Amino acid sequence: MPLDEVPLMAAGDLRIWFANWYQASRPAFFVATLVPLVLGTVLAAREQPVSWTLFSVVIFSSFLVHLSTNLANDLFDHLAGADDGISIGGSRVIQQGRISPRQIAFALFLLYGLAALGGLCILLATQLWWLAGYMLVAFCSSLFYTAPPLRLGYHGLGEVTVFLNMGPLMVTGAYAVQAGTVNWDVLLLSLPTGIMVAMILFFQSLPDMQTDRASGKRTIAVSLGRETSIKLFFILGAAAILAIQVLLYMHLLSLIALLSICTLPLLQHVVELLKATPDWQAVHDRGKRVRLFYLLNGIVMILAACFLQ
């Protein structure tokens, strides 16, 4: 083999390796972690200067847990058969032979370890040892979302789990790291983000209702059926917008919060899309509209919190 071909082959292998793990990580969903952490930090910044070092560690550790959650879901859904056949759930890297279950298990060990190290640094820097409870809940929610014996997502608790973790826990946790405490106002401000992340997860479960039912995965969508699921999806989106307006009325957000009403047509568009698509598997790749709904409202909340007089 000519020596000048070796670097090209090595570079090609590296690109394939990176592409496989990029697919497994599902980075498009990382916005679900970013928004509540930024919101909590912004709320704390209204009271005292922000430690950007701590903020960076919080972001890094939280993203590691989010990535671990995605990988754990791929692994344990594969072992349970929930992603077999016509299912389009997960990243599909195992089903496509791109990454082996053993490799994902090793990655989980490494990523959870790094996240734990970041969490320990936060505890040592802040001396807020009660935050260890937050971290324990985050770890258990991440791993046991699909892992036995809890398998939270298999018993209709997936949306509740992400609501708590990516709403109250992340917002108040990010706030506490900077401010050293939590309060009721911050807890109330965390609710819309939790609702919208639950909404994202709920939408992602719709295309797999048939295969989830066959594998014994009793998601909320499986329990409710098609028509009621569409209604619940709209209710969740409308509840998030309404909650933001209530927070404005309570003087916890500035008038910028009114802009969230402008996302109502986007919500209605997704609902009409669901109604008009006989085969829900066809709507899987259109989940970016739901994430856009979340991102726009998240930005509105962050700006409304920044400019509150």
Protein backbone atom coordinates (compact mmCIF):
# COMPACT_ATOMS: atom_id res chain seq x y z
CA MET A 1 0.00 0.00 0.00
CA PRO A 2 1.46 3.40 -0.97
CA LEU A 3 2.26 5.50 2.06
CA ASP A 4 0.35 8.49 0.70
CA GLU A 5 -2.90 6.45 0.86
CA VAL A 6 -2.68 5.70 4.59
CA PRO A 7 -3.63 9.18 5.90
CA LEU A 8 -6.60 9.29 3.52
CA MET A 9 -7.92 5.95 4.73
CA ALA A 10 -7.34 6.91 8.35
CA ALA A 11 -9.15 10.19 7.82
CA GLY A 12 -12.00 8.35 6.13
CA ASP A 13 -12.32 5.93 9.03
CA LEU A 14 -12.32 8.83 11.45
CA ARG A 15 -15.09 10.58 9.52
CA ILE A 16 -17.19 7.42 9.57
CA TRP A 17 -16.56 6.98 13.30
CA PHE A 18 -17.55 10.58 13.97
CA ALA A 19 -20.64 10.34 11.74
CA ASN A 20 -21.81 7.21 13.55
CA TRP A 21 -21.49 8.73 17.01
CA TYR A 22 -22.98 12.02 15.81
CA GLN A 23 -26.03 10.08 14.63
CA ALA A 24 -26.22 8.28 17.97
CA SER A 25 -26.00 11.51 19.96
CA ARG A 26 -29.02 13.14 18.25
CA PRO A 27 -27.68 16.68 18.81
CA ALA A 28 -30.86 18.32 17.46
CA PHE A 29 -32.46 17.53 20.82
CA PHE A 30 -29.73 19.15 22.92
CA VAL A 31 -31.69 22.41 22.81
CA ALA A 32 -33.98 20.77 25.36
CA THR A 33 -31.09 20.88 27.84
CA LEU A 34 -29.64 24.24 26.82
CA VAL A 35 -32.75 26.39 27.31
CA PRO A 36 -33.55 25.56 30.97
CA LEU A 37 -29.89 25.89 32.00
CA VAL A 38 -29.57 29.30 30.35
CA LEU A 39 -32.90 30.41 31.81
CA GLY A 40 -31.89 29.43 35.34
CA THR A 41 -28.55 31.20 34.96
CA VAL A 42 -30.18 34.35 33.58
CA LEU A 43 -32.55 34.44 36.54
CA ALA A 44 -29.61 34.20 38.92
CA ALA A 45 -27.70 36.89 36.99
CA ARG A 46 -30.40 39.41 37.92
CA GLU A 47 -29.25 39.09 41.52
CA GLN A 48 -25.48 38.62 41.36
CA PRO A 49 -22.59 38.16 38.90
CA VAL A 50 -22.44 34.84 37.10
CA SER A 51 -19.53 32.43 37.49
CA TRP A 52 -18.90 31.45 33.89
CA THR A 53 -16.63 28.64 35.01
CA LEU A 54 -19.44 27.04 36.99
CA PHE A 55 -21.85 27.70 34.14
CA SER A 56 -19.52 25.91 31.74
CA VAL A 57 -19.21 22.89 34.03
CA VAL A 58 -23.00 22.74 34.44
CA ILE A 59 -23.52 22.89 30.67
CA PHE A 60 -20.82 20.30 29.98
CA SER A 61 -22.03 17.85 32.63
CA SER A 62 -25.68 18.24 31.67
CA PHE A 63 -24.93 17.65 28.00
CA LEU A 64 -23.03 14.49 28.95
CA VAL A 65 -26.08 13.23 30.84
CA HIS A 66 -28.35 14.12 27.91
CA LEU A 67 -26.04 12.26 25.53
CA SER A 68 -25.93 9.31 27.92
CA THR A 69 -29.73 9.28 28.04
CA ASN A 70 -29.92 9.05 24.25
CA LEU A 71 -27.39 6.22 24.16
CA ALA A 72 -29.04 4.37 27.05
CA ASN A 73 -32.39 4.61 25.28
CA ASP A 74 -30.86 3.15 22.12
CA LEU A 75 -29.28 0.30 24.06
CA PHE A 76 -32.16 -0.74 26.28
CA ASP A 77 -34.86 -0.20 23.64
CA HIS A 78 -32.81 -2.47 21.40
CA LEU A 79 -32.55 -5.12 24.11
CA ALA A 80 -36.30 -4.90 24.69
CA GLY A 81 -37.08 -5.12 20.97
CA ALA A 82 -38.84 -1.74 20.97
CA ASP A 83 -36.75 -0.45 18.05
CA ASP A 84 -37.02 -3.56 15.89
CA GLY A 85 -38.89 -4.01 12.63
CA ILE A 86 -40.65 -0.95 11.22
CA SER A 87 -39.98 1.14 14.31
CA ILE A 88 -38.19 4.42 13.58
CA GLY A 89 -37.47 5.34 17.18
CA GLY A 90 -34.01 6.08 18.49
CA SER A 91 -30.96 6.87 16.40
CA ARG A 92 -30.96 3.44 14.63
CA VAL A 93 -27.17 3.07 14.93
CA ILE A 94 -27.50 -0.41 16.45
CA GLN A 95 -30.08 -1.59 13.93
CA GLN A 96 -27.93 -0.28 11.07
CA GLY A 97 -24.83 -2.01 12.43
CA ARG A 98 -22.95 1.26 12.88
CA ILE A 99 -22.27 0.91 16.62
CA SER A 100 -22.49 -2.28 18.67
CA PRO A 101 -24.38 -2.58 21.97
CA ARG A 102 -21.07 -3.34 23.70
CA GLN A 103 -19.57 -0.08 22.41
CA ILE A 104 -22.58 1.89 23.63
CA ALA A 105 -22.35 0.25 27.05
CA PHE A 106 -18.69 1.28 27.30
CA ALA A 107 -19.54 4.82 26.19
CA LEU A 108 -22.21 5.02 28.89
CA PHE A 109 -19.72 4.03 31.56
CA LEU A 110 -17.32 6.71 30.36
CA LEU A 111 -19.88 9.50 29.90
CA TYR A 112 -21.66 8.95 33.20
CA GLY A 113 -18.27 8.92 34.90
CA LEU A 114 -17.27 12.24 33.35
CA ALA A 115 -20.64 13.74 34.26
CA ALA A 116 -20.22 12.55 37.86
CA LEU A 117 -16.80 14.17 37.97
CA GLY A 118 -18.31 17.44 36.76
CA GLY A 119 -21.02 17.16 39.38
CA LEU A 120 -18.44 16.62 42.10
CA CYS A 121 -16.60 19.75 40.98
CA ILE A 122 -19.83 21.72 41.25
CA LEU A 123 -20.52 20.40 44.76
CA LEU A 124 -16.99 21.20 45.94
CA ALA A 125 -17.08 24.70 44.43
CA THR A 126 -20.51 25.68 45.74
CA GLN A 127 -20.68 23.62 48.96
CA LEU A 128 -24.36 23.06 48.11
CA TRP A 129 -24.34 19.38 49.03
CA TRP A 130 -28.10 19.09 48.68
CA LEU A 131 -27.60 19.46 44.93
CA ALA A 132 -26.33 15.87 45.06
CA GLY A 133 -29.99 14.93 45.31
CA TYR A 134 -30.66 16.72 42.03
CA MET A 135 -27.77 14.87 40.44
CA LEU A 136 -28.96 11.50 41.71
CA VAL A 137 -32.45 12.11 40.33
CA ALA A 138 -30.94 13.17 36.98
CA PHE A 139 -28.81 10.03 36.80
CA CYS A 140 -31.65 7.68 37.72
CA SER A 141 -34.03 9.39 35.31
CA SER A 142 -31.44 9.16 32.54
CA LEU A 143 -30.50 5.52 32.98
CA PHE A 144 -33.78 4.03 34.14
CA TYR A 145 -35.88 5.82 31.55
CA THR A 146 -35.54 2.63 29.53
CA ALA A 147 -33.29 0.42 31.68
CA PRO A 148 -34.78 -2.21 34.00
CA PRO A 149 -36.06 -2.50 36.60
CA LEU A 150 -37.88 0.88 36.45
CA ARG A 151 -38.16 1.44 32.66
CA LEU A 152 -40.04 4.67 33.27
CA GLY A 153 -40.74 5.29 29.60
CA TYR A 154 -42.42 1.89 29.31
CA HIS A 155 -45.02 2.72 31.95
CA GLY A 156 -46.32 6.08 30.73
CA LEU A 157 -43.93 8.08 32.90
CA GLY A 158 -41.62 9.37 30.18
CA GLU A 159 -43.26 12.76 29.78
CA VAL A 160 -43.52 13.25 33.54
CA THR A 161 -39.84 12.38 33.92
CA VAL A 162 -38.61 14.88 31.35
CA PHE A 163 -41.02 17.54 32.65
CA LEU A 164 -39.47 17.32 36.11
CA ASN A 165 -35.86 17.03 34.94
CA MET A 166 -35.83 19.61 32.16
CA GLY A 167 -38.20 21.96 33.90
CA PRO A 168 -37.99 22.40 37.69
CA LEU A 169 -34.75 20.48 38.32
CA MET A 170 -32.64 22.06 35.57
CA VAL A 171 -33.90 25.62 35.95
CA THR A 172 -33.76 25.71 39.75
CA GLY A 173 -30.51 23.72 39.76
CA ALA A 174 -28.76 26.12 37.36
CA TYR A 175 -30.11 29.02 39.42
CA ALA A 176 -28.90 27.51 42.69
CA VAL A 177 -25.38 26.92 41.39
CA GLN A 178 -25.07 30.68 40.85
CA ALA A 179 -27.30 32.10 43.60
CA GLY A 180 -26.79 29.47 46.31
CA THR A 181 -30.51 28.93 46.89
CA VAL A 182 -33.87 28.47 45.17
CA ASN A 183 -37.21 30.24 45.48
CA TRP A 184 -40.80 29.85 44.40
CA ASP A 185 -40.54 32.39 41.58
CA VAL A 186 -37.78 30.39 39.89
CA LEU A 187 -39.80 27.20 40.30
CA LEU A 188 -42.81 28.81 38.64
CA LEU A 189 -40.66 30.11 35.79
CA SER A 190 -39.40 26.58 35.16
CA LEU A 191 -42.83 25.14 34.40
CA PRO A 192 -43.24 26.22 30.74
CA THR A 193 -39.89 24.69 29.75
CA GLY A 194 -40.84 21.42 31.42
CA ILE A 195 -44.17 21.36 29.63
CA MET A 196 -42.57 21.99 26.24
CA VAL A 197 -39.87 19.32 26.62
CA ALA A 198 -42.58 16.84 27.60
CA MET A 199 -44.37 17.96 24.46
CA ILE A 200 -41.29 17.19 22.33
CA LEU A 201 -41.03 13.69 23.80
CA PHE A 202 -44.76 13.12 23.34
CA PHE A 203 -44.54 14.08 19.66
CA GLN A 204 -41.57 11.74 19.16
CA SER A 205 -43.59 8.85 20.60
CA LEU A 206 -46.47 9.26 18.15
CA PRO A 207 -44.89 7.61 15.06
CA ASP A 208 -43.98 4.51 17.10
CA MET A 209 -47.37 3.87 18.66
CA GLN A 210 -47.83 0.61 16.76
CA THR A 211 -44.39 -0.86 17.49
CA ASP A 212 -44.42 0.41 21.07
CA ARG A 213 -47.72 -1.34 21.68
CA ALA A 214 -46.38 -4.57 20.19
CA SER A 215 -43.27 -4.48 22.38
CA GLY A 216 -45.20 -3.73 25.57
CA LYS A 217 -44.07 -0.11 25.79
CA ARG A 218 -47.14 1.65 27.22
CA THR A 219 -46.44 5.27 26.42
CA ILE A 220 -49.11 7.90 26.99
CA ALA A 221 -49.74 7.97 23.24
CA VAL A 222 -50.29 4.20 23.18
CA SER A 223 -52.77 4.47 26.06
CA LEU A 224 -54.70 7.40 24.59
CA GLY A 225 -54.87 6.47 20.92
CA ARG A 226 -54.57 8.69 17.85
CA GLU A 227 -57.38 11.24 18.22
CA THR A 228 -56.93 11.91 21.93
CA SER A 229 -53.16 12.14 21.46
CA ILE A 230 -53.60 14.94 18.93
CA LYS A 231 -55.79 16.81 21.41
CA LEU A 232 -53.28 16.32 24.22
CA PHE A 233 -50.44 17.56 22.01
CA PHE A 234 -52.32 20.80 21.36
CA ILE A 235 -53.24 21.15 25.03
CA LEU A 236 -49.59 20.86 26.06
CA GLY A 237 -48.50 23.56 23.60
CA ALA A 238 -51.36 25.86 24.53
CA ALA A 239 -50.66 25.29 28.24
CA ALA A 240 -47.04 26.37 27.75
CA ILE A 241 -48.07 29.60 26.02
CA LEU A 242 -50.73 30.26 28.65
CA ALA A 243 -48.25 29.63 31.47
CA ILE A 244 -45.86 32.20 29.99
CA GLN A 245 -48.68 34.75 29.87
CA VAL A 246 -49.61 33.99 33.49
CA LEU A 247 -45.98 34.57 34.49
CA LEU A 248 -46.16 37.92 32.71
CA TYR A 249 -49.34 38.77 34.61
CA MET A 250 -47.53 37.88 37.85
CA HIS A 251 -44.73 40.32 36.89
CA LEU A 252 -42.18 37.51 36.73
CA LEU A 253 -41.50 38.20 33.04
CA SER A 254 -41.37 41.42 31.02
CA LEU A 255 -43.72 42.38 28.18
CA ILE A 256 -41.46 40.49 25.78
CA ALA A 257 -43.33 37.39 27.00
CA LEU A 258 -46.29 38.47 24.84
CA LEU A 259 -44.30 37.30 21.81
CA SER A 260 -44.93 33.70 22.80
CA ILE A 261 -48.48 34.10 21.48
CA CYS A 262 -46.95 34.44 18.01
CA THR A 263 -45.95 30.77 18.16
CA LEU A 264 -49.57 29.63 18.34
CA PRO A 265 -49.89 29.37 14.51
CA LEU A 266 -46.84 27.09 14.47
CA LEU A 267 -48.48 24.87 17.08
CA GLN A 268 -51.70 24.78 15.07
CA HIS A 269 -49.73 23.92 11.93
CA VAL A 270 -48.23 20.85 13.60
CA VAL A 271 -51.67 19.77 14.82
CA GLU A 272 -53.10 20.07 11.29
CA LEU A 273 -50.12 18.10 10.02
CA LEU A 274 -50.91 15.28 12.43
CA LYS A 275 -54.57 15.27 11.44
CA ALA A 276 -53.79 15.23 7.72
CA THR A 277 -51.18 12.45 7.79
CA PRO A 278 -52.73 8.95 7.81
CA ASP A 279 -49.42 7.20 8.48
CA TRP A 280 -47.88 8.88 11.52
CA GLN A 281 -44.49 7.39 10.78
CA ALA A 282 -44.30 9.97 7.99
CA VAL A 283 -44.30 12.83 10.53
CA HIS A 284 -41.21 11.61 12.38
CA ASP A 285 -38.78 13.83 10.48
CA ARG A 286 -40.99 16.86 10.99
CA GLY A 287 -40.38 16.99 14.71
CA LYS A 288 -38.07 19.94 14.05
CA ARG A 289 -41.20 22.11 14.01
CA VAL A 290 -41.95 21.08 17.58
CA ARG A 291 -38.37 21.79 18.61
CA LEU A 292 -38.62 25.17 16.87
CA PHE A 293 -41.77 25.92 18.89
CA TYR A 294 -39.83 25.12 22.05
CA LEU A 295 -36.75 27.10 21.04
CA LEU A 296 -38.72 30.21 20.10
CA ASN A 297 -40.65 30.20 23.37
CA GLY A 298 -37.47 29.44 25.29
CA ILE A 299 -35.75 32.46 23.74
CA VAL A 300 -38.78 34.61 24.51
CA MET A 301 -38.68 33.53 28.17
CA ILE A 302 -34.93 34.14 28.45
CA LEU A 303 -35.22 37.62 26.95
CA ALA A 304 -38.31 38.39 29.02
CA ALA A 305 -36.36 37.41 32.14
CA CYS A 306 -33.33 39.48 31.10
CA PHE A 307 -35.27 42.67 30.59
CA LEU A 308 -37.61 42.48 33.56
CA GLN A 309 -37.57 45.81 35.37
